[in-house]
Amino acid sequence: MLELRRLALLCEFARRGSIAGAAAALGYSPSAVSQQLQALERESGTALIDRTARSAELTDAGRRLVAHAERILCLVEEAESDLSAHAGTPTGRVTVTAFPTAAVAFAPALARSLRRHTGLTLRLGQARSGRGMREVRSGEVDIALVDDWYGQMRDSESLRAFPLLRDPLVLVVPRRHRLADPGVPVDLRELRDEPWMATPYSEPSRLAMDRLLTDVGGTRPTPWEFEGLGTILSLVAKGIGIAAVPALALAAGVRGLAVRPIPGDPVGRDVLAVARGSSVHRPSVSVMLRAIHAAARYLAADLEPVRAVERPGPGEAPLDGGFLDGGSGGRSGNHLGNHPGE
């Protein structure tokens, strides 16, 4: 009989590509993982891993068993979810990972939601979208909040993708910049020689900004590149330059900014929640998905449409109640990440 825990170790080895990688991901020592994989080989009666002095890789039999193991482990999780769905009160820990700006924006709502579910605990971490997807697939996390800049993310054989909101690029300028006045129209062509700041070329938000500016003749070489949208917003607030950032980044609460919508149909990203199809009916995961959707509805009201409102500096009153206006029923002010009852 093949042991489930060892099958999971084999799948982790396949994902990580090495015994050391699998051990680090699971919190075991490499020798312990190696011993368990050897035990699995004895159970299966065949060599699963081809070991050399410097490396280890799956044999053909190992690859076939990984395919079977992934289906078996998925069925086990479905069985556990089905049983727990009829058990009543959701309990246990739900692990969520999110790209950094989503983690900041969604965290307050998720923490508030758990107050009504005393048997649940939340662990919210940060990871790039690609890594978050891999962690959901491997079972390291239950849900990942990911961004999709190209509209290509769909359900797969093992994963469910739940659309949450559209996050457009917006123009952020210092509060003393001429475009801080909402009466001055935004013309990107007139901003080509401004000191733009952006994330490095490898970041999706940088590629989106470059696509945006290419349509108006581009801009001069970016004089400064910084990792982290929060850093860029802080520098804009200090009057060092201007930037185009996803509106969700404004949840970081940086003061001293003016935010302007970009004319036309600005580049943006879709934000989605991704979970394993075998886990979505588990009460704890289902409760967290509902909380994520509720938070997304509030955030979406602030992001669409984005209106130009100046953010005050420390100790100063806002000119128009905040920096984003949801445009629904007169709700205004800084709602991002700050909703009662989320």
Protein backbone atom coordinates (compact mmCIF):
# COMPACT_ATOMS: atom_id res chain seq x y z
CA MET A 1 0.00 0.00 0.00
CA LEU A 2 1.40 3.38 -1.00
CA GLU A 3 1.56 5.82 1.91
CA LEU A 4 -0.13 9.21 1.28
CA ARG A 5 2.46 11.28 3.12
CA ARG A 6 5.22 9.80 0.98
CA LEU A 7 3.22 10.45 -2.19
CA ALA A 8 2.97 14.09 -1.13
CA LEU A 9 6.74 14.18 -0.63
CA LEU A 10 7.26 12.78 -4.13
CA CYS A 11 5.00 15.48 -5.62
CA GLU A 12 6.93 18.14 -3.72
CA PHE A 13 10.21 16.74 -5.04
CA ALA A 14 8.78 16.93 -8.57
CA ARG A 15 7.78 20.57 -8.06
CA ARG A 16 11.05 21.69 -6.46
CA GLY A 17 13.42 19.64 -8.60
CA SER A 18 15.66 18.58 -5.74
CA ILE A 19 15.58 16.82 -2.40
CA ALA A 20 17.01 19.91 -0.70
CA GLY A 21 14.28 22.08 -2.23
CA ALA A 22 11.52 19.72 -1.14
CA ALA A 23 12.99 19.53 2.36
CA ALA A 24 13.18 23.32 2.68
CA ALA A 25 9.59 23.75 1.47
CA LEU A 26 8.20 21.18 3.92
CA GLY A 27 10.41 21.96 6.91
CA TYR A 28 12.19 18.58 6.96
CA SER A 29 15.87 17.73 6.76
CA PRO A 30 17.15 16.54 3.36
CA SER A 31 18.12 13.19 4.88
CA ALA A 32 14.58 12.67 6.22
CA VAL A 33 13.07 13.40 2.80
CA SER A 34 15.58 11.08 1.11
CA GLN A 35 14.75 8.28 3.52
CA GLN A 36 11.00 8.66 2.98
CA LEU A 37 11.43 8.63 -0.79
CA GLN A 38 13.52 5.48 -0.53
CA ALA A 39 10.74 3.92 1.54
CA LEU A 40 8.26 4.88 -1.19
CA GLU A 41 10.46 3.14 -3.75
CA ARG A 42 10.36 -0.01 -1.64
CA GLU A 43 6.55 0.24 -1.38
CA SER A 44 6.17 0.69 -5.14
CA GLY A 45 8.77 -1.93 -6.03
CA THR A 46 10.53 0.28 -8.57
CA ALA A 47 13.10 3.07 -8.80
CA LEU A 48 11.38 6.46 -8.73
CA ILE A 49 14.41 8.76 -8.53
CA ASP A 50 17.65 8.57 -10.46
CA ARG A 51 20.34 9.69 -8.01
CA THR A 52 23.85 10.81 -8.89
CA ALA A 53 26.58 12.35 -6.73
CA ARG A 54 25.38 15.87 -7.57
CA SER A 55 21.73 15.63 -8.53
CA ALA A 56 18.53 13.62 -8.44
CA GLU A 57 15.70 13.46 -10.97
CA LEU A 58 12.55 11.45 -11.53
CA THR A 59 12.67 8.25 -13.53
CA ASP A 60 9.93 7.47 -16.04
CA ALA A 61 8.18 5.44 -13.34
CA GLY A 62 8.57 8.34 -10.93
CA ARG A 63 6.89 10.74 -13.36
CA ARG A 64 4.01 8.31 -13.87
CA LEU A 65 3.55 7.91 -10.12
CA VAL A 66 3.57 11.70 -9.63
CA ALA A 67 0.67 11.99 -12.08
CA HIS A 68 -1.27 9.34 -10.15
CA ALA A 69 -0.30 10.87 -6.79
CA GLU A 70 -1.59 14.31 -7.74
CA ARG A 71 -4.99 12.84 -8.61
CA ILE A 72 -5.04 10.72 -5.44
CA LEU A 73 -4.19 13.64 -3.18
CA CYS A 74 -6.82 15.77 -4.90
CA LEU A 75 -9.46 13.09 -4.26
CA VAL A 76 -8.42 12.85 -0.62
CA GLU A 77 -8.83 16.62 -0.22
CA GLU A 78 -12.24 16.47 -1.90
CA ALA A 79 -13.29 13.75 0.55
CA GLU A 80 -12.07 15.83 3.50
CA SER A 81 -13.88 18.89 2.18
CA ASP A 82 -17.10 16.94 1.70
CA LEU A 83 -17.01 15.60 5.25
CA SER A 84 -16.14 18.96 6.81
CA ALA A 85 -18.86 20.71 4.77
CA HIS A 86 -21.42 18.75 6.79
CA ALA A 87 -19.67 19.28 10.10
CA GLY A 88 -21.12 22.75 10.71
CA THR A 89 -18.94 25.46 12.23
CA PRO A 90 -15.78 26.26 10.22
CA THR A 91 -12.59 25.75 12.21
CA GLY A 92 -8.84 25.66 11.70
CA ARG A 93 -6.30 27.83 9.93
CA VAL A 94 -6.75 29.32 6.47
CA THR A 95 -3.53 30.30 4.72
CA VAL A 96 -3.75 33.08 2.13
CA THR A 97 -0.96 34.57 0.07
CA ALA A 98 -1.24 37.77 -1.96
CA PHE A 99 0.87 40.07 -4.08
CA PRO A 100 2.03 42.95 -1.85
CA THR A 101 -0.47 45.67 -2.76
CA ALA A 102 -3.39 43.23 -2.44
CA ALA A 103 -2.11 42.05 0.94
CA VAL A 104 -2.19 45.62 2.25
CA ALA A 105 -5.60 46.40 0.75
CA PHE A 106 -7.41 43.20 1.72
CA ALA A 107 -5.89 42.55 5.17
CA PRO A 108 -8.20 44.80 7.26
CA ALA A 109 -11.37 43.29 5.78
CA LEU A 110 -10.20 39.73 6.23
CA ALA A 111 -9.16 40.33 9.84
CA ARG A 112 -12.56 41.85 10.64
CA SER A 113 -14.42 38.99 8.99
CA LEU A 114 -12.72 36.43 11.20
CA ARG A 115 -14.09 38.09 14.33
CA ARG A 116 -17.39 36.38 13.56
CA HIS A 117 -15.69 32.98 13.22
CA THR A 118 -13.88 32.37 16.48
CA GLY A 119 -12.80 28.88 15.43
CA LEU A 120 -10.85 30.18 12.42
CA THR A 121 -7.39 31.67 12.26
CA LEU A 122 -5.79 33.43 9.29
CA ARG A 123 -2.24 33.48 8.04
CA LEU A 124 -1.77 36.12 5.33
CA GLY A 125 1.58 36.19 3.53
CA GLN A 126 3.00 38.00 0.52
CA ALA A 127 4.32 36.49 -2.69
CA ARG A 128 4.50 37.29 -6.37
CA SER A 129 1.49 36.07 -8.31
CA GLY A 130 3.35 33.23 -10.05
CA ARG A 131 4.67 31.91 -6.77
CA GLY A 132 1.22 32.22 -5.17
CA MET A 133 -0.26 30.03 -7.88
CA ARG A 134 2.42 27.40 -7.33
CA GLU A 135 1.83 27.45 -3.57
CA VAL A 136 -1.91 26.89 -4.03
CA ARG A 137 -1.28 24.04 -6.44
CA SER A 138 1.19 22.40 -4.06
CA GLY A 139 -1.11 22.75 -1.06
CA GLU A 140 1.19 25.14 0.84
CA VAL A 141 -1.58 27.77 0.92
CA ASP A 142 -5.34 27.59 0.58
CA ILE A 143 -5.99 30.77 -1.44
CA ALA A 144 -3.82 33.12 -3.48
CA LEU A 145 -4.71 36.65 -4.52
CA VAL A 146 -3.06 37.12 -7.90
CA ASP A 147 -2.94 39.78 -10.59
CA ASP A 148 -3.44 39.19 -14.30
CA TRP A 149 -2.29 41.96 -16.65
CA TYR A 150 -3.19 40.17 -19.88
CA GLY A 151 -6.59 38.60 -19.23
CA GLN A 152 -5.28 35.07 -19.62
CA MET A 153 -6.05 33.49 -16.26
CA ARG A 154 -8.72 30.80 -16.36
CA ASP A 155 -9.80 27.77 -14.36
CA SER A 156 -7.52 24.78 -14.81
CA GLU A 157 -7.97 21.10 -14.13
CA SER A 158 -7.06 21.54 -10.47
CA LEU A 159 -7.52 25.27 -9.75
CA ARG A 160 -10.52 27.61 -9.58
CA ALA A 161 -10.05 31.29 -10.41
CA PHE A 162 -12.55 33.81 -8.98
CA PRO A 163 -12.52 37.31 -10.54
CA LEU A 164 -12.55 40.05 -7.89
CA LEU A 165 -11.97 43.50 -9.41
CA ARG A 166 -10.34 45.56 -12.14
CA ASP A 167 -7.37 47.66 -11.01
CA PRO A 168 -6.50 50.46 -13.48
CA LEU A 169 -3.30 52.44 -13.70
CA VAL A 170 -3.65 55.96 -12.33
CA LEU A 171 -1.37 58.98 -12.50
CA VAL A 172 0.11 60.11 -9.19
CA VAL A 173 1.83 63.49 -8.86
CA PRO A 174 3.07 65.58 -5.93
CA ARG A 175 0.33 67.67 -4.32
CA ARG A 176 2.00 70.87 -5.51
CA HIS A 177 2.25 69.68 -9.12
CA ARG A 178 0.13 71.59 -11.63
CA LEU A 179 -1.87 68.42 -12.35
CA ALA A 180 -2.89 68.25 -8.70
CA ASP A 181 -5.60 70.68 -9.78
CA PRO A 182 -8.48 68.51 -11.07
CA GLY A 183 -9.47 71.35 -13.38
CA VAL A 184 -6.28 70.91 -15.43
CA PRO A 185 -6.77 68.19 -18.09
CA VAL A 186 -4.30 65.29 -18.17
CA ASP A 187 -2.37 64.99 -21.44
CA LEU A 188 0.32 62.32 -21.24
CA ARG A 189 2.09 63.80 -24.25
CA GLU A 190 2.86 66.89 -22.19
CA LEU A 191 4.43 64.71 -19.47
CA ARG A 192 7.02 62.89 -21.59
CA ASP A 193 9.89 64.97 -20.20
CA GLU A 194 8.79 64.77 -16.58
CA PRO A 195 10.96 62.78 -14.13
CA TRP A 196 9.07 59.49 -14.21
CA MET A 197 9.72 56.80 -11.63
CA ALA A 198 8.90 53.16 -12.11
CA THR A 199 9.55 49.64 -10.95
CA PRO A 200 12.30 47.63 -12.72
CA TYR A 201 11.75 46.29 -16.22
CA SER A 202 10.96 42.81 -14.94
CA GLU A 203 7.89 44.00 -13.03
CA PRO A 204 4.45 43.79 -14.70
CA SER A 205 3.52 47.30 -13.53
CA ARG A 206 6.58 48.68 -15.35
CA LEU A 207 5.62 46.91 -18.55
CA ALA A 208 2.11 48.34 -18.21
CA MET A 209 3.45 51.87 -17.73
CA ASP A 210 5.71 51.49 -20.77
CA ARG A 211 2.73 50.31 -22.86
CA LEU A 212 0.78 53.33 -21.68
CA LEU A 213 3.50 55.82 -22.61
CA THR A 214 4.37 54.16 -25.92
CA ASP A 215 0.98 55.23 -27.23
CA VAL A 216 1.92 58.89 -26.75
CA GLY A 217 5.47 58.73 -28.09
CA GLY A 218 7.17 57.28 -25.05
CA THR A 219 9.19 59.06 -22.41
CA ARG A 220 12.84 59.78 -21.84
CA PRO A 221 14.88 57.02 -20.14
CA THR A 222 13.55 56.53 -16.65
CA PRO A 223 16.06 58.19 -14.29
CA TRP A 224 15.07 56.15 -11.24
CA GLU A 225 13.88 52.58 -10.78
CA PHE A 226 12.74 51.22 -7.43
CA GLU A 227 11.41 47.91 -6.23
CA GLY A 228 8.11 48.35 -4.45
CA LEU A 229 5.21 50.61 -5.37
CA GLY A 230 5.10 51.94 -1.81
CA THR A 231 8.62 53.34 -2.24
CA ILE A 232 7.65 55.02 -5.50
CA LEU A 233 4.56 56.61 -3.93
CA SER A 234 6.64 57.96 -1.05
CA LEU A 235 9.10 59.55 -3.49
CA VAL A 236 6.30 61.12 -5.53
CA ALA A 237 4.85 62.57 -2.33
CA LYS A 238 8.24 64.20 -1.63
CA GLY A 239 8.10 65.96 -5.00
CA ILE A 240 10.87 63.95 -6.66
CA GLY A 241 8.89 62.82 -9.70
CA ILE A 242 5.63 61.38 -11.03
CA ALA A 243 4.45 57.83 -11.66
CA ALA A 244 1.69 55.65 -13.09
CA VAL A 245 0.72 52.93 -10.59
CA PRO A 246 -2.16 50.51 -10.08
CA ALA A 247 -4.84 52.26 -8.05
CA LEU A 248 -4.86 49.48 -5.48
CA ALA A 249 -1.36 50.57 -4.41
CA LEU A 250 -2.93 53.67 -2.85
CA ALA A 251 -4.18 51.49 -0.01
CA ALA A 252 -0.70 51.88 1.50
CA GLY A 253 -1.91 55.25 2.81
CA VAL A 254 0.91 57.48 1.52
CA ARG A 255 0.03 61.14 2.07
CA GLY A 256 0.91 64.20 0.01
CA LEU A 257 -0.24 62.78 -3.33
CA ALA A 258 -2.67 63.92 -5.97
CA VAL A 259 -4.31 61.12 -7.96
CA ARG A 260 -5.61 61.64 -11.50
CA PRO A 261 -7.41 59.18 -13.75
CA ILE A 262 -5.66 58.43 -17.01
CA PRO A 263 -7.71 59.48 -20.07
CA GLY A 264 -9.20 56.91 -22.39
CA ASP A 265 -9.09 53.23 -21.58
CA PRO A 266 -6.06 52.94 -19.28
CA VAL A 267 -3.99 49.82 -18.92
CA GLY A 268 -4.91 47.81 -15.86
CA ARG A 269 -4.90 44.41 -14.25
CA ASP A 270 -7.50 41.95 -13.06
CA VAL A 271 -7.29 40.77 -9.47
CA LEU A 272 -8.42 37.20 -8.81
CA ALA A 273 -8.60 34.71 -5.96
CA VAL A 274 -7.30 31.25 -6.82
CA ALA A 275 -8.00 28.08 -4.83
CA ARG A 276 -7.85 24.36 -5.44
CA GLY A 277 -11.11 23.02 -6.80
CA SER A 278 -10.90 20.19 -4.28
CA SER A 279 -10.89 22.62 -1.32
CA VAL A 280 -13.44 25.31 -2.18
CA HIS A 281 -16.31 23.53 -0.39
CA ARG A 282 -14.38 23.19 2.86
CA PRO A 283 -16.18 25.53 5.31
CA SER A 284 -13.04 27.40 6.35
CA VAL A 285 -11.99 28.06 2.75
CA SER A 286 -15.54 28.91 1.69
CA VAL A 287 -15.87 31.48 4.51
CA MET A 288 -12.58 33.10 3.53
CA LEU A 289 -13.54 33.26 -0.15
CA ARG A 290 -16.78 35.03 0.80
CA ALA A 291 -14.83 37.51 2.94
CA ILE A 292 -12.43 38.16 0.04
CA HIS A 293 -15.34 38.80 -2.33
CA ALA A 294 -16.96 41.21 0.16
CA ALA A 295 -13.71 43.15 0.51
CA ALA A 296 -13.32 43.25 -3.27
CA ARG A 297 -16.77 44.82 -3.69
CA TYR A 298 -15.83 47.70 -1.40
CA LEU A 299 -12.46 48.17 -3.05
CA ALA A 300 -13.99 48.07 -6.53
CA ALA A 301 -16.35 50.89 -5.58
CA ASP A 302 -13.31 53.04 -4.84
CA LEU A 303 -11.40 52.07 -7.96
CA GLU A 304 -14.15 52.64 -10.52
CA PRO A 305 -14.20 55.42 -11.35
CA VAL A 306 -11.13 57.06 -9.86
CA ARG A 307 -11.64 60.77 -9.41
CA ALA A 308 -8.92 63.37 -8.96
CA VAL A 309 -8.69 64.31 -5.31
CA GLU A 310 -5.66 65.70 -3.59
CA ARG A 311 -4.26 63.79 -0.66
CA PRO A 312 -3.36 66.13 2.20
CA GLY A 313 -0.04 66.24 3.96
CA PRO A 314 0.28 65.40 7.66
CA GLY A 315 -1.92 67.63 9.79
CA GLU A 316 -3.75 69.11 6.82
CA ALA A 317 -7.44 68.72 6.04
CA PRO A 318 -8.38 66.97 2.78
CA LEU A 319 -9.64 69.20 0.01
CA ASP A 320 -12.45 66.87 -1.00
CA GLY A 321 -12.86 64.23 1.68
CA GLY A 322 -10.07 61.88 0.60
CA PHE A 323 -8.28 60.69 -2.50
CA LEU A 324 -10.75 58.29 -4.11
CA ASP A 325 -14.44 58.60 -4.68
CA GLY A 326 -16.41 55.44 -5.33
CA GLY A 327 -19.07 57.39 -7.21
CA SER A 328 -21.93 55.50 -5.58
CA GLY A 329 -24.43 57.15 -3.32
CA GLY A 330 -22.06 59.92 -2.30
CA ARG A 331 -19.55 57.61 -0.65
CA SER A 332 -16.25 59.41 -0.62
CA GLY A 333 -13.03 59.54 1.31
CA ASN A 334 -10.27 57.04 1.84
CA HIS A 335 -12.13 53.74 1.74
CA LEU A 336 -9.29 51.54 0.54
CA GLY A 337 -8.58 49.00 3.22
CA ASN A 338 -10.67 50.97 5.70
CA HIS A 339 -14.25 49.70 5.46
CA PRO A 340 -16.34 49.08 8.52
CA GLY A 341 -18.01 45.71 8.49
CA GLU A 342 -15.93 44.18 5.70
